[in-house]
PDB file of N, CA and C in Angstrom:
ATOM      1  N   MET A   1     -13.579  -5.280 -11.614  1.00  0.00           N
ATOM      2  CA  MET A   1     -13.058  -4.931 -10.313  1.00  0.00           C
ATOM      3  C   MET A   1     -11.711  -4.244 -10.514  1.00  0.00           C
ATOM      4  N   LYS A   2     -11.561  -3.088  -9.895  1.00  0.00           N
ATOM      5  CA  LYS A   2     -10.289  -2.377  -9.936  1.00  0.00           C
ATOM      6  C   LYS A   2      -9.518  -2.650  -8.655  1.00  0.00           C
ATOM      7  N   VAL A   3      -8.216  -2.743  -8.789  1.00  0.00           N
ATOM      8  CA  VAL A   3      -7.330  -2.890  -7.646  1.00  0.00           C
ATOM      9  C   VAL A   3      -6.379  -1.705  -7.666  1.00  0.00           C
ATOM     10  N   ILE A   4      -6.320  -0.987  -6.553  1.00  0.00           N
ATOM     11  CA  ILE A   4      -5.435   0.169  -6.457  1.00  0.00           C
ATOM     12  C   ILE A   4      -4.443  -0.099  -5.327  1.00  0.00           C
ATOM     13  N   PRO A   5      -3.264  -0.603  -5.651  1.00  0.00           N
ATOM     14  CA  PRO A   5      -2.278  -0.849  -4.595  1.00  0.00           C
ATOM     15  C   PRO A   5      -1.559   0.446  -4.209  1.00  0.00           C
ATOM     16  N   LEU A   6      -1.358   0.632  -2.926  1.00  0.00           N
ATOM     17  CA  LEU A   6      -0.579   1.764  -2.417  1.00  0.00           C
ATOM     18  C   LEU A   6       0.618   1.176  -1.694  1.00  0.00           C
ATOM     19  N   LEU A   7       1.767   1.257  -2.338  1.00  0.00           N
ATOM     20  CA  LEU A   7       2.950   0.597  -1.817  1.00  0.00           C
ATOM     21  C   LEU A   7       4.108   1.578  -1.675  1.00  0.00           C
ATOM     22  N   ASN A   8       4.835   1.427  -0.613  1.00  0.00           N
ATOM     23  CA  ASN A   8       6.062   2.174  -0.388  1.00  0.00           C
ATOM     24  C   ASN A   8       6.762   1.513   0.785  1.00  0.00           C
ATOM     25  N   GLN A   9       8.033   1.238   0.671  1.00  0.00           N
ATOM     26  CA  GLN A   9       8.747   0.561   1.741  1.00  0.00           C
ATOM     27  C   GLN A   9       9.041   1.482   2.920  1.00  0.00           C
ATOM     28  N   ARG A  10       9.043   2.752   2.672  1.00  0.00           N
ATOM     29  CA  ARG A  10       9.373   3.706   3.729  1.00  0.00           C
ATOM     30  C   ARG A  10       8.200   3.851   4.702  1.00  0.00           C
ATOM     31  N   ASP A  11       8.487   3.903   5.987  1.00  0.00           N
ATOM     32  CA  ASP A  11       7.451   4.154   6.985  1.00  0.00           C
ATOM     33  C   ASP A  11       7.032   5.615   6.931  1.00  0.00           C
ATOM     34  N   ASP A  12       5.853   5.890   7.426  1.00  0.00           N
ATOM     35  CA  ASP A  12       5.328   7.257   7.510  1.00  0.00           C
ATOM     36  C   ASP A  12       5.321   7.974   6.172  1.00  0.00           C
ATOM     37  N   SER A  13       4.963   7.256   5.122  1.00  0.00           N
ATOM     38  CA  SER A  13       4.899   7.888   3.801  1.00  0.00           C
ATOM     39  C   SER A  13       3.473   8.289   3.430  1.00  0.00           C
ATOM     40  N   GLY A  14       2.504   8.042   4.312  1.00  0.00           N
ATOM     41  CA  GLY A  14       1.135   8.456   4.074  1.00  0.00           C
ATOM     42  C   GLY A  14       0.261   7.437   3.364  1.00  0.00           C
ATOM     43  N   LYS A  15       0.707   6.194   3.282  1.00  0.00           N
ATOM     44  CA  LYS A  15      -0.057   5.169   2.563  1.00  0.00           C
ATOM     45  C   LYS A  15      -1.443   4.957   3.170  1.00  0.00           C
ATOM     46  N   THR A  16      -1.507   4.834   4.486  1.00  0.00           N
ATOM     47  CA  THR A  16      -2.787   4.587   5.144  1.00  0.00           C
ATOM     48  C   THR A  16      -3.704   5.786   5.002  1.00  0.00           C
ATOM     49  N   THR A  17      -3.158   6.973   5.117  1.00  0.00           N
ATOM     50  CA  THR A  17      -3.970   8.180   4.966  1.00  0.00           C
ATOM     51  C   THR A  17      -4.574   8.253   3.575  1.00  0.00           C
ATOM     52  N   VAL A  18      -3.759   8.025   2.563  1.00  0.00           N
ATOM     53  CA  VAL A  18      -4.250   8.059   1.183  1.00  0.00           C
ATOM     54  C   VAL A  18      -5.291   6.960   0.969  1.00  0.00           C
ATOM     55  N   ALA A  19      -5.024   5.763   1.457  1.00  0.00           N
ATOM     56  CA  ALA A  19      -5.945   4.641   1.269  1.00  0.00           C
ATOM     57  C   ALA A  19      -7.292   4.897   1.931  1.00  0.00           C
ATOM     58  N   THR A  20      -7.298   5.401   3.156  1.00  0.00           N
ATOM     59  CA  THR A  20      -8.564   5.645   3.841  1.00  0.00           C
ATOM     60  C   THR A  20      -9.333   6.801   3.212  1.00  0.00           C
ATOM     61  N   HIS A  21      -8.632   7.815   2.727  1.00  0.00           N
ATOM     62  CA  HIS A  21      -9.313   8.930   2.066  1.00  0.00           C
ATOM     63  C   HIS A  21      -9.913   8.488   0.726  1.00  0.00           C
ATOM     64  N   LEU A  22      -9.178   7.698  -0.034  1.00  0.00           N
ATOM     65  CA  LEU A  22      -9.715   7.169  -1.289  1.00  0.00           C
ATOM     66  C   LEU A  22     -10.933   6.277  -1.040  1.00  0.00           C
ATOM     67  N   THR A  23     -10.824   5.442  -0.015  1.00  0.00           N
ATOM     68  CA  THR A  23     -11.920   4.542   0.323  1.00  0.00           C
ATOM     69  C   THR A  23     -13.181   5.330   0.652  1.00  0.00           C
ATOM     70  N   ARG A  24     -13.031   6.351   1.470  1.00  0.00           N
ATOM     71  CA  ARG A  24     -14.200   7.160   1.852  1.00  0.00           C
ATOM     72  C   ARG A  24     -14.776   7.897   0.646  1.00  0.00           C
ATOM     73  N   ASP A  25     -13.925   8.416  -0.202  1.00  0.00           N
ATOM     74  CA  ASP A  25     -14.397   9.114  -1.396  1.00  0.00           C
ATOM     75  C   ASP A  25     -15.194   8.173  -2.301  1.00  0.00           C
ATOM     76  N   PHE A  26     -14.685   6.963  -2.500  1.00  0.00           N
ATOM     77  CA  PHE A  26     -15.401   5.985  -3.311  1.00  0.00           C
ATOM     78  C   PHE A  26     -16.726   5.581  -2.661  1.00  0.00           C
ATOM     79  N   GLN A  27     -16.745   5.474  -1.340  1.00  0.00           N
ATOM     80  CA  GLN A  27     -17.988   5.150  -0.642  1.00  0.00           C
ATOM     81  C   GLN A  27     -19.031   6.239  -0.869  1.00  0.00           C
ATOM     82  N   LEU A  28     -18.613   7.488  -0.803  1.00  0.00           N
ATOM     83  CA  LEU A  28     -19.543   8.597  -1.010  1.00  0.00           C
ATOM     84  C   LEU A  28     -20.098   8.619  -2.431  1.00  0.00           C
ATOM     85  N   GLU A  29     -19.370   8.033  -3.373  1.00  0.00           N
ATOM     86  CA  GLU A  29     -19.855   7.905  -4.748  1.00  0.00           C
ATOM     87  C   GLU A  29     -20.820   6.737  -4.900  1.00  0.00           C
ATOM     88  N   GLY A  30     -21.005   5.955  -3.845  1.00  0.00           N
ATOM     89  CA  GLY A  30     -21.919   4.824  -3.890  1.00  0.00           C
ATOM     90  C   GLY A  30     -21.276   3.520  -4.308  1.00  0.00           C
ATOM     91  N   ARG A  31     -19.974   3.482  -4.337  1.00  0.00           N
ATOM     92  CA  ARG A  31     -19.274   2.247  -4.731  1.00  0.00           C
ATOM     93  C   ARG A  31     -19.102   1.329  -3.529  1.00  0.00           C
ATOM     94  N   PHE A  32     -19.014   0.051  -3.803  1.00  0.00           N
ATOM     95  CA  PHE A  32     -18.716  -0.930  -2.763  1.00  0.00           C
ATOM     96  C   PHE A  32     -17.209  -1.105  -2.708  1.00  0.00           C
ATOM     97  N   ILE A  33     -16.650  -0.986  -1.525  1.00  0.00           N
ATOM     98  CA  ILE A  33     -15.195  -0.920  -1.352  1.00  0.00           C
ATOM     99  C   ILE A  33     -14.731  -1.985  -0.360  1.00  0.00           C
ATOM    100  N   LEU A  34     -13.594  -2.581  -0.651  1.00  0.00           N
ATOM    101  CA  LEU A  34     -12.909  -3.447   0.293  1.00  0.00           C
ATOM    102  C   LEU A  34     -11.512  -2.878   0.487  1.00  0.00           C
ATOM    103  N   LEU A  35     -11.212  -2.447   1.697  1.00  0.00           N
ATOM    104  CA  LEU A  35      -9.887  -1.936   2.032  1.00  0.00           C
ATOM    105  C   LEU A  35      -9.156  -3.024   2.799  1.00  0.00           C
ATOM    106  N   VAL A  36      -8.043  -3.478   2.252  1.00  0.00           N
ATOM    107  CA  VAL A  36      -7.233  -4.521   2.887  1.00  0.00           C
ATOM    108  C   VAL A  36      -5.996  -3.864   3.459  1.00  0.00           C
ATOM    109  N   ASP A  37      -5.825  -3.994   4.761  1.00  0.00           N
ATOM    110  CA  ASP A  37      -4.688  -3.403   5.459  1.00  0.00           C
ATOM    111  C   ASP A  37      -3.732  -4.529   5.849  1.00  0.00           C
ATOM    112  N   SER A  38      -2.603  -4.612   5.162  1.00  0.00           N
ATOM    113  CA  SER A  38      -1.645  -5.677   5.460  1.00  0.00           C
ATOM    114  C   SER A  38      -0.537  -5.206   6.393  1.00  0.00           C
ATOM    115  N   ASP A  39      -0.660  -4.007   6.902  1.00  0.00           N
ATOM    116  CA  ASP A  39       0.305  -3.452   7.830  1.00  0.00           C
ATOM    117  C   ASP A  39       0.081  -4.063   9.218  1.00  0.00           C
ATOM    118  N   PRO A  40       1.118  -4.565   9.869  1.00  0.00           N
ATOM    119  CA  PRO A  40       0.935  -5.173  11.192  1.00  0.00           C
ATOM    120  C   PRO A  40       0.378  -4.201  12.234  1.00  0.00           C
ATOM    121  N   GLN A  41       0.540  -2.906  12.010  1.00  0.00           N
ATOM    122  CA  GLN A  41       0.029  -1.927  12.978  1.00  0.00           C
ATOM    123  C   GLN A  41      -1.484  -1.743  12.881  1.00  0.00           C
ATOM    124  N   GLU A  42      -2.079  -2.171  11.788  1.00  0.00           N
ATOM    125  CA  GLU A  42      -3.526  -2.110  11.557  1.00  0.00           C
ATOM    126  C   GLU A  42      -4.082  -0.695  11.719  1.00  0.00           C
ATOM    127  N   ASP A  43      -3.374   0.295  11.201  1.00  0.00           N
ATOM    128  CA  ASP A  43      -3.822   1.679  11.316  1.00  0.00           C
ATOM    129  C   ASP A  43      -5.135   1.927  10.586  1.00  0.00           C
ATOM    130  N   ALA A  44      -5.326   1.320   9.432  1.00  0.00           N
ATOM    131  CA  ALA A  44      -6.566   1.517   8.683  1.00  0.00           C
ATOM    132  C   ALA A  44      -7.755   0.974   9.470  1.00  0.00           C
ATOM    133  N   HIS A  45      -7.565  -0.150  10.128  1.00  0.00           N
ATOM    134  CA  HIS A  45      -8.633  -0.720  10.954  1.00  0.00           C
ATOM    135  C   HIS A  45      -8.977   0.224  12.091  1.00  0.00           C
ATOM    136  N   ASP A  46      -7.967   0.778  12.730  1.00  0.00           N
ATOM    137  CA  ASP A  46      -8.205   1.707  13.834  1.00  0.00           C
ATOM    138  C   ASP A  46      -8.965   2.942  13.359  1.00  0.00           C
ATOM    139  N   ARG A  47      -8.613   3.469  12.203  1.00  0.00           N
ATOM    140  CA  ARG A  47      -9.288   4.661  11.666  1.00  0.00           C
ATOM    141  C   ARG A  47     -10.729   4.358  11.300  1.00  0.00           C
ATOM    142  N   ALA A  48     -10.991   3.180  10.747  1.00  0.00           N
ATOM    143  CA  ALA A  48     -12.351   2.809  10.375  1.00  0.00           C
ATOM    144  C   ALA A  48     -13.216   2.630  11.624  1.00  0.00           C
ATOM    145  N   THR A  49     -12.629   2.122  12.681  1.00  0.00           N
ATOM    146  CA  THR A  49     -13.369   1.916  13.924  1.00  0.00           C
ATOM    147  C   THR A  49     -13.762   3.254  14.534  1.00  0.00           C
ATOM    148  N   VAL A  50     -12.871   4.212  14.478  1.00  0.00           N
ATOM    149  CA  VAL A  50     -13.155   5.538  15.024  1.00  0.00           C
ATOM    150  C   VAL A  50     -14.238   6.220  14.217  1.00  0.00           C
ATOM    151  N   ARG A  51     -14.175   6.080  12.898  1.00  0.00           N
ATOM    152  CA  ARG A  51     -15.138   6.749  12.011  1.00  0.00           C
ATOM    153  C   ARG A  51     -16.542   6.195  12.223  1.00  0.00           C
ATOM    154  N   GLY A  52     -16.609   4.866  12.487  1.00  0.00           N
ATOM    155  CA  GLY A  52     -17.906   4.240  12.725  1.00  0.00           C
ATOM    156  C   GLY A  52     -18.663   4.099  11.489  1.00  0.00           C
TER     157      GLY A  52
END
């Protein structure tokens, strides 16, 4: 199991964008992915809900 942490203390640094794009790319390769969003704003959850 690989763990790819995306960390940066600065807001609006693109962490969620990079994480969701990587997740989708890995999914298209047929990998099983778990994306954990520890941000209180839950932006990754919102993006996944929209994508369906």
